[in-house]
Protein backbone atom coordinates (compact mmCIF):
# COMPACT_ATOMS: atom_id res chain seq x y z
CA UNK A 1 6.93 92.22 136.23
CA UNK A 2 6.69 92.10 139.99
CA UNK A 3 5.89 88.67 141.42
CA UNK A 4 5.07 86.81 144.60
CA UNK A 5 6.22 83.27 145.34
CA UNK A 6 3.63 81.25 147.23
CA UNK A 7 4.34 77.88 148.84
CA UNK A 8 1.26 75.64 149.12
CA UNK A 9 1.85 73.02 151.82
CA UNK A 10 0.39 69.51 151.49
CA UNK A 11 -2.33 70.32 148.91
CA UNK A 12 -3.10 66.59 148.59
CA UNK A 13 -3.69 66.19 152.34
CA UNK A 14 -4.83 69.52 153.77
CA UNK A 15 -7.80 70.65 151.69
CA UNK A 16 -11.12 70.87 153.53
CA UNK A 17 -14.19 72.94 152.64
CA UNK A 18 -12.64 74.64 149.63
CA UNK A 19 -9.37 75.74 151.20
CA UNK A 20 -7.68 75.53 147.78
CA UNK A 21 -9.91 78.45 146.85
CA UNK A 22 -7.63 80.69 148.90
CA UNK A 23 -4.81 79.98 146.46
CA UNK A 24 -7.11 80.74 143.53
CA UNK A 25 -8.18 84.03 145.09
CA UNK A 26 -4.58 85.11 145.74
CA UNK A 27 -3.59 84.26 142.17
CA UNK A 28 -6.60 86.07 140.70
CA UNK A 29 -6.14 89.24 142.74
CA UNK A 30 -2.45 89.40 141.84
CA UNK A 31 -2.90 88.75 138.13
CA UNK A 32 -5.73 91.27 137.84
CA UNK A 33 -3.18 93.89 138.91
CA UNK A 34 -0.47 92.64 136.52
CA UNK A 35 1.58 90.89 139.19
CA UNK A 36 2.79 87.34 138.65
CA UNK A 37 1.78 84.60 141.06
CA UNK A 38 4.22 81.70 141.30
CA UNK A 39 2.50 78.83 143.14
CA UNK A 40 4.68 75.91 144.22
CA UNK A 41 3.20 72.89 146.04
CA UNK A 42 5.04 70.79 148.60
CA UNK A 43 3.98 67.44 150.02
CA UNK A 44 5.51 64.36 151.61
CA UNK A 45 8.33 62.97 149.47
CA UNK A 46 9.03 66.20 147.57
CA UNK A 47 12.33 68.05 147.68
CA UNK A 48 12.38 70.03 150.96
CA UNK A 49 11.53 73.69 150.36
CA UNK A 50 13.58 76.66 151.51
CA UNK A 51 10.75 78.38 153.35
CA UNK A 52 12.44 81.75 153.62
CA UNK A 53 12.76 81.97 149.82
CA UNK A 54 8.97 82.41 149.58
CA UNK A 55 6.85 85.47 150.14
CA UNK A 56 3.79 83.63 151.43
CA UNK A 57 3.22 80.13 152.82
CA UNK A 58 -0.29 78.68 152.83
CA UNK A 59 -1.60 75.50 154.47
CA UNK A 60 -5.22 74.38 154.66
CA UNK A 61 -7.26 72.21 156.99
CA UNK A 62 -7.33 68.51 157.68
CA UNK A 63 -8.94 66.08 160.09
CA UNK A 64 -7.07 64.22 162.85
CA UNK A 65 -6.04 61.41 160.50
CA UNK A 66 -4.51 63.79 157.96
CA UNK A 67 -2.69 65.73 160.66
CA UNK A 68 -1.24 62.50 162.02
CA UNK A 69 0.01 61.53 158.57
CA UNK A 70 1.96 64.70 157.93
CA UNK A 71 3.01 65.79 161.43
CA UNK A 72 6.36 63.98 161.38
CA UNK A 73 7.19 65.32 157.93
CA UNK A 74 6.33 68.86 159.01
CA UNK A 75 8.54 68.57 162.08
CA UNK A 76 11.54 67.95 159.80
CA UNK A 77 11.16 71.51 158.57
CA UNK A 78 10.80 73.23 161.95
CA UNK A 79 14.08 75.14 161.76
CA UNK A 80 13.44 76.33 158.22
CA UNK A 81 9.88 77.40 159.10
CA UNK A 82 11.08 79.29 162.17
CA UNK A 83 13.71 81.09 160.09
CA UNK A 84 11.08 82.09 157.54
CA UNK A 85 8.69 83.43 160.18
CA UNK A 86 11.52 85.36 161.85
CA UNK A 87 12.46 86.80 158.44
CA UNK A 88 8.92 88.08 157.92
CA UNK A 89 7.54 85.57 155.42
CA UNK A 90 3.74 85.63 155.69
CA UNK A 91 2.00 82.42 156.83
CA UNK A 92 -1.74 81.80 156.37
CA UNK A 93 -2.81 78.69 158.28
CA UNK A 94 -6.30 77.20 158.27
CA UNK A 95 -7.78 74.86 160.90
CA UNK A 96 -5.61 71.71 161.03
CA UNK A 97 -2.46 73.55 160.01
CA UNK A 98 -3.30 76.24 162.59
CA UNK A 99 -3.26 73.54 165.26
CA UNK A 100 0.00 71.98 164.03
CA UNK A 101 1.95 75.21 164.54
CA UNK A 102 1.15 75.07 168.26
CA UNK A 103 2.52 72.76 170.94
CA UNK A 104 0.34 69.74 170.24
CA UNK A 105 -3.06 68.34 169.32
CA UNK A 106 -4.59 65.90 171.81
CA UNK A 107 -7.19 63.57 170.31
CA UNK A 108 -10.36 62.14 171.83
CA UNK A 109 -8.56 58.95 172.87
CA UNK A 110 -5.72 60.90 174.47
CA UNK A 111 -3.30 60.37 171.61
CA UNK A 112 -0.91 63.27 171.04
CA UNK A 113 -0.03 64.67 167.63
CA UNK A 114 3.11 66.75 168.17
CA UNK A 115 3.08 70.31 166.90
CA UNK A 116 5.92 72.47 165.69
CA UNK A 117 5.87 74.45 168.95
CA UNK A 118 6.44 77.63 166.96
CA UNK A 119 3.73 79.22 169.12
CA UNK A 120 2.61 78.52 172.69
CA UNK A 121 -1.02 77.58 172.07
CA UNK A 122 -2.25 73.97 172.12
CA UNK A 123 -5.40 72.11 171.09
CA UNK A 124 -7.40 69.36 172.77
CA UNK A 125 -10.35 67.52 171.25
CA UNK A 126 -13.70 67.60 173.01
CA UNK A 127 -14.37 64.14 174.54
CA UNK A 128 -17.85 64.15 172.98
CA UNK A 129 -17.27 63.45 169.28
CA UNK A 130 -20.75 64.72 168.44
CA UNK A 131 -20.14 68.14 169.95
CA UNK A 132 -18.36 70.43 167.51
CA UNK A 133 -17.94 74.13 166.83
CA UNK A 134 -19.74 74.17 163.52
CA UNK A 135 -21.47 76.76 161.38
CA UNK A 136 -20.96 80.19 159.89
CA UNK A 137 -18.88 82.61 161.92
CA UNK A 138 -18.15 86.33 161.92
CA UNK A 139 -15.20 87.91 163.66
CA UNK A 140 -13.94 91.46 163.90
CA UNK A 141 -10.25 91.72 163.05
CA UNK A 142 -7.88 94.67 163.20
CA UNK A 143 -6.15 95.02 159.82
CA UNK A 144 -3.65 97.87 159.98
CA UNK A 145 -5.80 99.74 162.47
CA UNK A 146 -9.04 99.20 160.56
CA UNK A 147 -11.78 97.11 162.15
CA UNK A 148 -12.87 94.59 159.53
CA UNK A 149 -15.58 91.94 159.68
CA UNK A 150 -14.25 88.58 158.53
CA UNK A 151 -16.71 85.85 157.53
CA UNK A 152 -16.05 82.11 157.40
CA UNK A 153 -17.25 78.62 158.20
CA UNK A 154 -15.96 76.68 161.21
CA UNK A 155 -16.14 72.94 161.85
CA UNK A 156 -13.81 71.72 164.59
CA UNK A 157 -14.02 69.56 167.68
CA UNK A 158 -10.62 70.74 168.86
CA UNK A 159 -10.51 73.49 171.45
CA UNK A 160 -7.47 75.75 171.25
CA UNK A 161 -6.07 77.27 174.44
CA UNK A 162 -3.40 79.75 175.55
CA UNK A 163 -3.82 82.22 172.68
CA UNK A 164 -1.74 85.34 173.32
CA UNK A 165 -2.89 87.39 170.33
CA UNK A 166 -6.17 86.34 168.66
CA UNK A 167 -7.00 86.96 165.01
CA UNK A 168 -10.27 88.59 165.95
CA UNK A 169 -13.19 89.10 168.30
CA UNK A 170 -16.12 86.72 167.76
CA UNK A 171 -19.34 88.47 166.73
CA UNK A 172 -21.26 85.32 165.77
CA UNK A 173 -20.17 81.69 166.13
CA UNK A 174 -17.77 79.96 168.50
CA UNK A 175 -14.11 80.67 167.84
CA UNK A 176 -11.16 78.93 169.47
CA UNK A 177 -13.41 77.18 171.98
CA UNK A 178 -17.14 76.65 172.46
CA UNK A 179 -18.73 80.06 172.98
CA UNK A 180 -15.37 81.82 172.97
CA UNK A 181 -14.98 85.57 172.48
CA UNK A 182 -11.75 85.12 170.51
CA UNK A 183 -10.88 83.37 167.27
CA UNK A 184 -7.59 82.32 165.73
CA UNK A 185 -4.09 83.64 166.21
CA UNK A 186 -2.51 86.73 164.64
CA UNK A 187 1.04 87.99 164.93
CA UNK A 188 2.22 90.50 162.29
CA UNK A 189 3.07 88.00 159.52
CA UNK A 190 1.07 84.99 160.73
CA UNK A 191 -2.68 84.48 160.56
CA UNK A 192 -3.91 81.15 161.91
CA UNK A 193 -7.66 80.59 161.94
CA UNK A 194 -10.47 78.04 161.94
CA UNK A 195 -12.28 79.90 159.14
CA UNK A 196 -12.88 77.80 156.03
CA UNK A 197 -15.13 78.61 153.19
CA UNK A 198 -12.70 79.42 151.50
CA UNK A 199 -11.73 82.29 153.76
CA UNK A 200 -10.41 84.76 151.18
CA UNK A 201 -13.26 84.49 148.68
CA UNK A 202 -15.61 85.93 151.30
CA UNK A 203 -13.10 88.52 152.49
CA UNK A 204 -11.34 90.37 149.65
CA UNK A 205 -10.14 93.06 152.05
CA UNK A 206 -8.26 90.43 154.03
CA UNK A 207 -6.76 88.99 150.83
CA UNK A 208 -5.50 92.43 149.83
CA UNK A 209 -4.14 93.03 153.33
CA UNK A 210 -2.00 89.89 152.98
CA UNK A 211 -0.89 90.69 149.42
CA UNK A 212 0.02 94.27 150.31
CA UNK A 213 2.16 93.07 153.21
CA UNK A 214 3.96 90.54 151.00
CA UNK A 215 4.60 92.98 148.14
CA UNK A 216 5.83 95.77 150.41
CA UNK A 217 8.15 93.41 152.25
CA UNK A 218 9.62 91.98 149.04
CA UNK A 219 10.09 95.20 147.11
CA UNK A 220 10.70 97.50 150.09
CA UNK A 221 8.31 100.12 148.82
CA UNK A 222 4.82 101.24 149.73
CA UNK A 223 2.69 99.55 147.09
CA UNK A 224 -0.95 100.59 146.96
CA UNK A 225 -3.10 97.97 145.25
CA UNK A 226 -5.52 99.36 142.71
CA UNK A 227 -9.15 98.55 143.58
CA UNK A 228 -10.81 95.60 141.87
CA UNK A 229 -14.47 95.23 141.03
CA UNK A 230 -15.64 93.41 144.16
CA UNK A 231 -19.33 94.13 143.59
CA UNK A 232 -20.26 90.44 143.61
CA UNK A 233 -18.21 89.73 146.73
CA UNK A 234 -19.75 92.75 148.48
CA UNK A 235 -23.28 91.55 147.71
CA UNK A 236 -22.45 88.09 149.02
CA UNK A 237 -21.01 89.56 152.21
CA UNK A 238 -24.08 91.69 152.81
CA UNK A 239 -26.31 88.66 152.33
CA UNK A 240 -24.27 86.52 154.72
CA UNK A 241 -24.01 89.24 157.34
CA UNK A 242 -27.74 89.81 157.14
CA UNK A 243 -28.52 86.10 157.40
CA UNK A 244 -26.34 85.88 160.50
CA UNK A 245 -28.09 88.82 162.13
CA UNK A 246 -25.13 91.15 161.89
CA UNK A 247 -25.34 94.58 160.25
CA UNK A 248 -23.24 94.79 157.05
């Protein structure tokens, strides 16, 4: 049986707005096609993982306090993470973990949470704590040359700058900054985004895009995933797109 190994980073610390649901969706969509999903968690105090031995690494969102708690632990693994990214391991990073893979996060009081500096972007909190990018959001992403509408929920005071390759174009919502036209970061095997919800439950096409990449990379063959019955997900998407004033 073909399998994918998924590393779930800091599940006890980074888990906002149903981010764990992304793991459940990945498992479900693999098992429905007779693939095995091996999910292994890692958190502070556990045996350090060999990042490049996994097919997919997932990390969810967390507030400033949570990011501060785990930042130093994450930095211990910088070399291993860089090796994994260079080797093509797929990384899906949500909100707080998105920020931590950049240069730094600067808080409201000016305190700096160091990032991994894997990528050149950086994040600074808005001085007004009450002003946040919050609400449902739609972006248009390019998935293997196909324009795809991706739906999620954003809630962040941090404003992310110096993005070289965004995840998508904002159709409704804010994005990386207040009123931005771009959202997230996307580079071949890395998707970093502010979209919670969980992200993949609302976007089965994105989930299959990630799984297809991981399976093809691991088995060095062109695997075509058999379609699943996504009737319920499709109805939900149409409802959300309609509510947000965007044509399905």
